[in-house]
Amino acid sequence: MRANEDLTTIVITCQIQPGKAEIARQEFCAIIKTVVADEAACHGIDLHLDPEDPNRIFLIEYWDSKDSFIGPHMQTPHMQAFLQRAQTFLAGSPDFGFWRLLAAVP
């Protein structure tokens, strides 16, 4: 369902505090599993690691809309708890971008 021009693609880049990459990976994997399982507006999340900077991660998320991401999703108890924990391993605020599919080329 990812090649769907009706979905909003959210691109998130995060910098991890030095020495916290493994805990960040565990936390992100756990929250991704919860979000994908529990939130119908989410159509998948991919987590990437920068091979040249192990303290930099990149997420690509597929949502019904920007509003479903910034509204209900960010207010869920599991996201509120994750955001609190993230302060212990993220180095600053994540960078968010909101995109629409222009073309899916196989």
C-alpha atoms as a PDB file:
ATOM      1  CA  MET A   1       0.000   0.000   0.000  1.00  0.00           C
ATOM      2  CA  ARG A   2       3.006   2.312   0.201  1.00  0.00           C
ATOM      3  CA  ALA A   3       2.905   3.320  -3.471  1.00  0.00           C
ATOM      4  CA  ASN A   4      -0.325   5.250  -2.887  1.00  0.00           C
ATOM      5  CA  GLU A   5      -0.496   8.895  -3.882  1.00  0.00           C
ATOM      6  CA  ASP A   6      -3.258   9.480  -1.335  1.00  0.00           C
ATOM      7  CA  LEU A   7      -0.913   8.792   1.587  1.00  0.00           C
ATOM      8  CA  THR A   8       1.313  11.343   3.267  1.00  0.00           C
ATOM      9  CA  THR A   9       4.956  10.333   3.599  1.00  0.00           C
ATOM     10  CA  ILE A  10       6.668  11.660   6.709  1.00  0.00           C
ATOM     11  CA  VAL A  11      10.455  11.818   6.639  1.00  0.00           C
ATOM     12  CA  ILE A  12      12.110  12.158  10.050  1.00  0.00           C
ATOM     13  CA  THR A  13      15.828  12.583  10.683  1.00  0.00           C
ATOM     14  CA  CYS A  14      17.178  12.189  14.220  1.00  0.00           C
ATOM     15  CA  GLN A  15      20.604  12.653  15.735  1.00  0.00           C
ATOM     16  CA  ILE A  16      21.408  10.278  18.597  1.00  0.00           C
ATOM     17  CA  GLN A  17      23.527  11.175  21.592  1.00  0.00           C
ATOM     18  CA  PRO A  18      27.010   9.578  21.519  1.00  0.00           C
ATOM     19  CA  GLY A  19      26.952   6.136  23.136  1.00  0.00           C
ATOM     20  CA  LYS A  20      23.148   5.881  22.959  1.00  0.00           C
ATOM     21  CA  ALA A  21      22.720   4.318  19.491  1.00  0.00           C
ATOM     22  CA  GLU A  22      21.723   0.862  20.750  1.00  0.00           C
ATOM     23  CA  ILE A  23      19.128   2.131  23.219  1.00  0.00           C
ATOM     24  CA  ALA A  24      17.762   4.426  20.495  1.00  0.00           C
ATOM     25  CA  ARG A  25      17.469   1.494  18.088  1.00  0.00           C
ATOM     26  CA  GLN A  26      15.632  -0.582  20.686  1.00  0.00           C
ATOM     27  CA  GLU A  27      13.275   2.272  21.568  1.00  0.00           C
ATOM     28  CA  PHE A  28      12.503   3.078  17.936  1.00  0.00           C
ATOM     29  CA  CYS A  29      11.888  -0.566  17.031  1.00  0.00           C
ATOM     30  CA  ALA A  30       9.525  -0.957  19.991  1.00  0.00           C
ATOM     31  CA  ILE A  31       7.501   2.191  19.250  1.00  0.00           C
ATOM     32  CA  ILE A  32       7.317   1.362  15.542  1.00  0.00           C
ATOM     33  CA  LYS A  33       5.890  -2.067  16.349  1.00  0.00           C
ATOM     34  CA  THR A  34       3.262  -0.492  18.615  1.00  0.00           C
ATOM     35  CA  VAL A  35       2.304   2.264  16.179  1.00  0.00           C
ATOM     36  CA  VAL A  36       1.957  -0.058  13.184  1.00  0.00           C
ATOM     37  CA  ALA A  37      -0.096  -2.545  15.213  1.00  0.00           C
ATOM     38  CA  ASP A  38      -2.350  -0.049  17.005  1.00  0.00           C
ATOM     39  CA  GLU A  39      -2.887   2.906  14.678  1.00  0.00           C
ATOM     40  CA  ALA A  40      -4.990   2.288  11.570  1.00  0.00           C
ATOM     41  CA  ALA A  41      -3.923   5.614  10.005  1.00  0.00           C
ATOM     42  CA  CYS A  42      -0.312   4.354   9.835  1.00  0.00           C
ATOM     43  CA  HIS A  43       0.534   2.248   6.780  1.00  0.00           C
ATOM     44  CA  GLY A  44       4.123   1.397   7.627  1.00  0.00           C
ATOM     45  CA  ILE A  45       7.352   2.767   9.016  1.00  0.00           C
ATOM     46  CA  ASP A  46      10.896   2.134   7.792  1.00  0.00           C
ATOM     47  CA  LEU A  47      13.878   2.818  10.059  1.00  0.00           C
ATOM     48  CA  HIS A  48      17.261   3.527   8.456  1.00  0.00           C
ATOM     49  CA  LEU A  49      20.770   4.012   9.820  1.00  0.00           C
ATOM     50  CA  ASP A  50      23.267   6.375   8.211  1.00  0.00           C
ATOM     51  CA  PRO A  51      26.202   4.072   7.331  1.00  0.00           C
ATOM     52  CA  GLU A  52      28.606   6.995   7.686  1.00  0.00           C
ATOM     53  CA  ASP A  53      27.231   8.216  11.018  1.00  0.00           C
ATOM     54  CA  PRO A  54      25.936   5.518  13.406  1.00  0.00           C
ATOM     55  CA  ASN A  55      24.375   8.264  15.538  1.00  0.00           C
ATOM     56  CA  ARG A  56      22.053   9.419  12.765  1.00  0.00           C
ATOM     57  CA  ILE A  57      18.787   7.674  11.924  1.00  0.00           C
ATOM     58  CA  PHE A  58      16.144   8.304   9.329  1.00  0.00           C
ATOM     59  CA  LEU A  59      12.504   7.201   9.389  1.00  0.00           C
ATOM     60  CA  ILE A  60      10.059   7.054   6.518  1.00  0.00           C
ATOM     61  CA  GLU A  61       6.461   6.809   7.666  1.00  0.00           C
ATOM     62  CA  TYR A  62       3.282   6.415   5.606  1.00  0.00           C
ATOM     63  CA  TRP A  63       0.098   7.979   6.999  1.00  0.00           C
ATOM     64  CA  ASP A  64      -3.457   8.748   5.902  1.00  0.00           C
ATOM     65  CA  SER A  65      -2.683  12.460   6.257  1.00  0.00           C
ATOM     66  CA  LYS A  66      -0.408  14.995   7.913  1.00  0.00           C
ATOM     67  CA  ASP A  67      -3.258  15.763  10.310  1.00  0.00           C
ATOM     68  CA  SER A  68      -3.540  12.124  11.422  1.00  0.00           C
ATOM     69  CA  PHE A  69       0.183  12.153  12.213  1.00  0.00           C
ATOM     70  CA  ILE A  70       0.486  15.492  14.018  1.00  0.00           C
ATOM     71  CA  GLY A  71      -2.889  15.197  15.736  1.00  0.00           C
ATOM     72  CA  PRO A  72      -4.178  11.874  17.057  1.00  0.00           C
ATOM     73  CA  HIS A  73      -0.915   9.925  16.630  1.00  0.00           C
ATOM     74  CA  MET A  74       1.234  12.364  18.587  1.00  0.00           C
ATOM     75  CA  GLN A  75      -1.344  12.455  21.395  1.00  0.00           C
ATOM     76  CA  THR A  76      -1.512   8.698  21.992  1.00  0.00           C
ATOM     77  CA  PRO A  77      -0.240   7.530  25.382  1.00  0.00           C
ATOM     78  CA  HIS A  78       2.439   5.358  23.731  1.00  0.00           C
ATOM     79  CA  MET A  79       3.811   8.323  21.729  1.00  0.00           C
ATOM     80  CA  GLN A  80       3.712  10.660  24.713  1.00  0.00           C
ATOM     81  CA  ALA A  81       5.692   8.110  26.743  1.00  0.00           C
ATOM     82  CA  PHE A  82       8.142   7.561  23.866  1.00  0.00           C
ATOM     83  CA  LEU A  83       8.724  11.304  23.501  1.00  0.00           C
ATOM     84  CA  GLN A  84       9.592  11.511  27.188  1.00  0.00           C
ATOM     85  CA  ARG A  85      12.054   8.599  26.911  1.00  0.00           C
ATOM     86  CA  ALA A  86      13.508  10.017  23.679  1.00  0.00           C
ATOM     87  CA  GLN A  87      14.872  12.993  25.602  1.00  0.00           C
ATOM     88  CA  THR A  88      17.386  10.602  27.175  1.00  0.00           C
ATOM     89  CA  PHE A  89      18.871   9.439  23.848  1.00  0.00           C
ATOM     90  CA  LEU A  90      18.118  12.033  21.149  1.00  0.00           C
ATOM     91  CA  ALA A  91      20.538  14.894  20.578  1.00  0.00           C
ATOM     92  CA  GLY A  92      18.108  17.718  19.901  1.00  0.00           C
ATOM     93  CA  SER A  93      14.788  17.790  18.135  1.00  0.00           C
ATOM     94  CA  PRO A  94      14.055  15.571  15.135  1.00  0.00           C
ATOM     95  CA  ASP A  95      13.661  17.149  11.715  1.00  0.00           C
ATOM     96  CA  PHE A  96      10.240  16.440  10.124  1.00  0.00           C
ATOM     97  CA  GLY A  97       9.260  16.653   6.458  1.00  0.00           C
ATOM     98  CA  PHE A  98       5.801  15.972   5.005  1.00  0.00           C
ATOM     99  CA  TRP A  99       5.616  14.698   1.438  1.00  0.00           C
ATOM    100  CA  ARG A 100       3.149  13.489  -1.214  1.00  0.00           C
ATOM    101  CA  LEU A 101       4.051  10.789  -3.712  1.00  0.00           C
ATOM    102  CA  LEU A 102       4.717  12.262  -7.145  1.00  0.00           C
ATOM    103  CA  ALA A 103       5.583   9.042  -8.993  1.00  0.00           C
ATOM    104  CA  ALA A 104       6.356   5.435  -8.077  1.00  0.00           C
ATOM    105  CA  VAL A 105       8.897   4.060 -10.524  1.00  0.00           C
ATOM    106  CA  PRO A 106       9.553   0.319 -10.298  1.00  0.00           C
END
